Protein backbone atom coordinates (compact mmCIF):
# COMPACT_ATOMS: atom_id res chain seq x y z
CA UNK A 1 -14.71 4.95 -2.29
CA UNK A 2 -12.77 4.80 -5.00
CA UNK A 3 -10.00 1.91 -5.13
CA UNK A 4 -6.20 2.57 -3.75
CA UNK A 5 -4.15 3.56 -6.46
CA UNK A 6 -0.48 2.42 -7.15
CA UNK A 7 2.23 4.70 -7.73
CA UNK A 8 4.84 3.93 -9.40
CA UNK A 9 8.19 3.85 -7.25
CA UNK A 10 10.41 6.07 -8.19
CA UNK A 11 13.52 4.54 -6.85
CA UNK A 12 16.59 4.33 -9.84
CA UNK A 13 19.13 1.39 -9.72
CA UNK A 14 21.32 2.64 -11.96
CA UNK A 15 20.48 -1.30 -14.40
CA UNK A 16 18.65 1.09 -16.90
CA UNK A 17 17.02 -2.63 -18.85
CA UNK A 18 16.09 -3.40 -15.17
CA UNK A 19 14.32 0.51 -14.73
CA UNK A 20 13.16 0.75 -17.92
CA UNK A 21 11.07 -2.83 -17.31
CA UNK A 22 9.94 -2.07 -13.85
CA UNK A 23 9.14 1.19 -15.41
CA UNK A 24 6.32 -1.03 -17.81
CA UNK A 25 5.54 -3.02 -15.12
CA UNK A 26 4.28 0.10 -12.88
CA UNK A 27 2.08 1.27 -15.53
CA UNK A 28 0.34 -1.50 -16.01
CA UNK A 29 0.01 -1.96 -12.47
CA UNK A 30 -1.24 1.17 -12.44
CA UNK A 31 -3.41 0.87 -14.81
CA UNK A 32 -7.41 1.68 -14.62
CA UNK A 33 -7.25 -1.75 -17.13
CA UNK A 34 -5.39 -3.30 -19.61
CA UNK A 35 -2.94 -1.43 -21.42
CA UNK A 36 -2.72 -0.85 -25.36
CA UNK A 37 1.37 -1.29 -26.37
CA UNK A 38 0.35 3.09 -27.46
CA UNK A 39 -0.40 3.35 -23.42
CA UNK A 40 2.07 1.90 -22.39
CA UNK A 41 3.74 4.34 -24.68
CA UNK A 42 3.12 7.11 -23.17
CA UNK A 43 3.02 6.30 -19.61
CA UNK A 44 6.27 5.14 -19.80
CA UNK A 45 8.14 8.12 -21.53
CA UNK A 46 10.02 5.12 -23.42
CA UNK A 47 10.46 4.81 -27.33
CA UNK A 48 7.82 1.96 -28.83
CA UNK A 49 10.74 -0.22 -29.67
CA UNK A 50 12.01 -0.51 -26.18
CA UNK A 51 8.58 -1.08 -24.72
CA UNK A 52 7.53 -3.62 -27.16
CA UNK A 53 10.79 -5.38 -26.93
CA UNK A 54 10.59 -5.08 -22.80
CA UNK A 55 6.27 -5.97 -22.94
CA UNK A 56 6.94 -9.13 -24.64
CA UNK A 57 10.12 -10.21 -21.93
CA UNK A 58 8.07 -9.40 -19.03
CA UNK A 59 5.17 -11.57 -21.22
CA UNK A 60 7.71 -14.42 -21.88
CA UNK A 61 8.28 -14.74 -18.43
CA UNK A 62 4.51 -14.84 -17.10
CA UNK A 63 5.29 -10.84 -14.86
CA UNK A 64 2.79 -9.93 -17.76
CA UNK A 65 -0.21 -11.33 -20.00
CA UNK A 66 -2.14 -10.38 -23.13
CA UNK A 67 -5.69 -9.80 -23.13
CA UNK A 68 -8.19 -10.35 -25.42
CA UNK A 69 -7.61 -7.79 -27.33
CA UNK A 70 -3.91 -8.05 -27.23
CA UNK A 71 -3.40 -5.30 -24.52
CA UNK A 72 -0.96 -5.96 -21.65
CA UNK A 73 -2.50 -6.90 -18.33
CA UNK A 74 -0.18 -7.73 -14.65
CA UNK A 75 0.43 -11.91 -15.61
CA UNK A 76 -0.33 -15.01 -13.72
CA UNK A 77 3.52 -15.75 -11.98
CA UNK A 78 2.72 -12.19 -9.69
CA UNK A 79 0.61 -14.54 -8.22
CA UNK A 80 2.75 -16.54 -7.69
CA UNK A 81 5.66 -14.62 -7.02
CA UNK A 82 2.93 -12.61 -4.03
CA UNK A 83 2.16 -15.20 -2.62
CA UNK A 84 5.45 -16.97 -1.71
CA UNK A 85 6.90 -13.60 -0.61
CA UNK A 86 3.77 -13.05 1.90
CA UNK A 87 4.89 -16.28 3.40
CA UNK A 88 8.18 -15.26 3.61
CA UNK A 89 7.00 -12.13 5.52
CA UNK A 90 4.34 -12.94 8.38
CA UNK A 91 4.21 -9.68 9.14
CA UNK A 92 0.17 -9.29 7.74
CA UNK A 93 -0.58 -12.20 9.72
CA UNK A 94 1.45 -11.12 13.67
CA UNK A 95 -1.35 -8.21 12.99
CA UNK A 96 -4.48 -9.68 12.31
CA UNK A 97 -5.71 -10.61 15.49
CA UNK A 98 -4.98 -6.73 16.82
CA UNK A 99 -6.76 -5.29 12.83
CA UNK A 100 -9.92 -7.04 13.62
CA UNK A 101 -9.84 -5.92 17.08
CA UNK A 102 -9.21 -1.91 15.91
CA UNK A 103 -12.05 -2.32 12.85
CA UNK A 104 -14.58 -3.70 15.34
CA UNK A 105 -13.75 -0.97 18.18
CA UNK A 106 -13.65 1.64 15.75
CA UNK A 107 -16.57 0.36 12.85
CA UNK A 108 -12.88 1.84 10.46
CA UNK A 109 -11.04 -0.01 7.64
CA UNK A 110 -8.23 -0.93 9.20
CA UNK A 111 -4.41 -1.15 7.44
CA UNK A 112 -0.14 -2.50 8.27
CA UNK A 113 1.96 -0.57 6.02
CA UNK A 114 6.13 -0.98 6.09
CA UNK A 115 7.92 1.24 4.46
CA UNK A 116 9.63 0.36 0.85
CA UNK A 117 12.10 2.86 -0.40
CA UNK A 118 9.89 6.28 -0.55
CA UNK A 119 7.37 4.87 -1.05
CA UNK A 120 4.89 2.51 1.40
CA UNK A 121 2.98 -0.58 1.19
CA UNK A 122 -0.12 -2.17 2.53
CA UNK A 123 1.13 -5.21 4.74
CA UNK A 124 -2.60 -5.77 5.78
CA UNK A 125 -5.99 -4.62 4.90
CA UNK A 126 -9.72 -5.32 6.90
CA UNK A 127 -12.28 -3.70 5.58
CA UNK A 128 -14.88 -2.04 7.03
CA UNK A 129 -18.34 -3.11 7.84
CA UNK A 130 -19.86 0.66 6.36
CA UNK A 131 -21.36 -0.41 2.78
CA UNK A 132 -19.23 3.91 2.48
CA UNK A 133 -16.21 2.68 2.80
CA UNK A 134 -12.76 3.23 1.49
CA UNK A 135 -11.06 0.57 0.09
CA UNK A 136 -7.08 -0.36 0.23
CA UNK A 137 -5.94 -3.35 -1.33
CA UNK A 138 -2.91 -5.53 0.61
CA UNK A 139 -0.50 -5.30 -1.96
CA UNK A 140 -0.83 -1.42 -2.71
CA UNK A 141 2.13 1.07 -3.44
CA UNK A 142 0.84 4.28 -1.80
CA UNK A 143 3.22 7.55 -1.32
CA UNK A 144 5.14 8.86 2.02
CA UNK A 145 4.95 11.69 3.22
CA UNK A 146 1.02 11.85 2.83
CA UNK A 147 -1.99 10.36 4.70
CA UNK A 148 -1.19 9.67 8.67
CA UNK A 149 0.64 6.95 7.20
CA UNK A 150 2.85 7.90 4.91
CA UNK A 151 3.95 10.82 7.43
CA UNK A 152 4.58 8.29 10.51
CA UNK A 153 6.95 5.96 8.37
CA UNK A 154 8.46 9.11 6.94
CA UNK A 155 9.58 9.74 9.69
CA UNK A 156 7.11 12.30 10.74
CA UNK A 157 6.00 12.26 15.55
CA UNK A 158 3.65 13.18 17.27
CA UNK A 159 3.86 14.29 21.12
CA UNK A 160 -0.10 12.01 21.20
CA UNK A 161 2.25 8.88 19.29
CA UNK A 162 -0.35 8.99 16.63
CA UNK A 163 -1.28 10.65 13.01
CA UNK A 164 -4.27 12.34 11.26
CA UNK A 165 -5.26 12.85 8.78
CA UNK A 166 -8.34 14.66 6.38
CA UNK A 167 -8.03 14.12 2.71
CA UNK A 168 -4.57 14.52 2.25
CA UNK A 169 -4.22 11.43 -0.22
CA UNK A 170 -8.42 11.58 -1.14
CA UNK A 171 -11.41 14.38 -0.49
CA UNK A 172 -13.09 13.48 1.63
CA UNK A 173 -10.82 10.61 2.69
CA UNK A 174 -9.19 11.25 6.82
CA UNK A 175 -7.26 8.58 8.48
CA UNK A 176 -5.50 8.31 12.21
CA UNK A 177 -2.12 6.33 12.65
CA UNK A 178 0.32 5.11 15.31
CA UNK A 179 3.71 3.87 14.66
CA UNK A 180 4.82 0.47 15.19
CA UNK A 181 8.15 -0.19 17.61
CA UNK A 182 10.47 -2.50 17.58
CA UNK A 183 13.16 -2.62 19.40
CA UNK A 184 12.84 1.12 19.71
CA UNK A 185 12.81 1.35 16.25
CA UNK A 186 9.66 2.56 14.06
CA UNK A 187 9.23 -0.37 11.33
CA UNK A 188 5.29 -0.59 9.76
CA UNK A 189 2.77 1.36 11.04
CA UNK A 190 -0.91 1.05 11.53
CA UNK A 191 -4.03 2.44 10.74
CA UNK A 192 -7.31 3.08 10.11
CA UNK A 193 -9.55 4.71 7.76
CA UNK A 194 -13.07 6.37 6.58
CA UNK A 195 -14.25 8.91 5.30
CA UNK A 196 -14.85 12.15 6.99
CA UNK A 197 -17.92 12.35 7.29
CA UNK A 198 -17.76 9.90 9.99
CA UNK A 199 -14.47 10.48 10.88
CA UNK A 200 -14.86 13.77 12.03
CA UNK A 201 -12.65 17.46 12.37
CA UNK A 202 -10.13 15.17 15.09
CA UNK A 203 -10.23 12.38 14.47
CA UNK A 204 -6.81 11.44 16.10
CA UNK A 205 -8.81 12.90 19.71
CA UNK A 206 -11.72 9.96 19.02
CA UNK A 207 -9.18 6.80 17.68
CA UNK A 208 -6.01 7.66 18.63
CA UNK A 209 -6.19 5.31 21.62
CA UNK A 210 -7.25 2.98 19.88
CA UNK A 211 -4.81 2.98 16.74
CA UNK A 212 -2.07 3.56 19.63
CA UNK A 213 -2.96 0.58 21.15
CA UNK A 214 -3.61 -1.67 18.07
CA UNK A 215 -0.12 -0.35 17.19
CA UNK A 216 1.77 -1.75 20.02
CA UNK A 217 -0.42 -4.71 20.23
CA UNK A 218 1.36 -5.05 16.69
CA UNK A 219 4.85 -4.84 17.39
CA UNK A 220 4.51 -6.88 20.66
CA UNK A 221 3.33 -9.71 17.94
CA UNK A 222 6.04 -9.11 16.33
CA UNK A 223 8.76 -8.85 18.82
CA UNK A 224 7.87 -11.93 20.56
CA UNK A 225 7.76 -13.85 16.69
CA UNK A 226 11.15 -12.50 16.46
CA UNK A 227 9.98 -11.16 12.72
C-alpha cells in the first residue's frame, strides 16, 4: 500500500511572508523526495526569487536543509519541534493502549486523528501485522471530508456511532471510524483502515462495535487525564 500523502492546509493567515513560507515547507513535505528550486517554484506558484529567498531563510533556521545535490529537504529542527509538540499534547500516549487492542482485535492498522483547521492530523498510528496493509505516518496531514475519520471530524454524524468509507481517499482502501467524545464534544476520531479485500463491502457492520469501543476508551482516558 502507498504511504500517506501530505496534504497542505489551505488556511491563509493574512501575514503574507508566513503564508508563503508555509507554502514552501508544505511543498517540500508533500514531495516524493527533496525538491529542486525549479520544482519548488512549480509546486508553490511563487516567483523564483521569492521561493529562493524563503527557502534560504528556512534553511538558515534549520527548517529546511540542502541535500548533496543542492535540493531542498525538511530540516533537522522540525524533528525537535515535533517531539516537543508531542510532549505537550499527550493524547497519542493516552490512546495507545486502546489502539493496540483495536489493532490486535481487528488485525488492521489503527489511527487517532484530530482536526487542525481544514485538515486532520494523525496523532497516533499502529500498523497492521499483515504484509498488505495501510500505512499512515504519525504527523501526516490529510483532508477533511474524505475518509471516515475526516468525515467525522468535519461534523458528519451517524446513528450507529461509526462511519465507514470505501475507496474514498485511496482506491482499494477502506476505513471505519468513530468519534472520540469528551465532555459532550467531538475532540478526535479513532479508526481502522485496510484493504477492501479484507474489510469487505460492509466494514461498519463487521468492525463498528470494536472501533466505537476503542473510541470510548480513548475519550475516557483523555477525560481522566484532564488533557
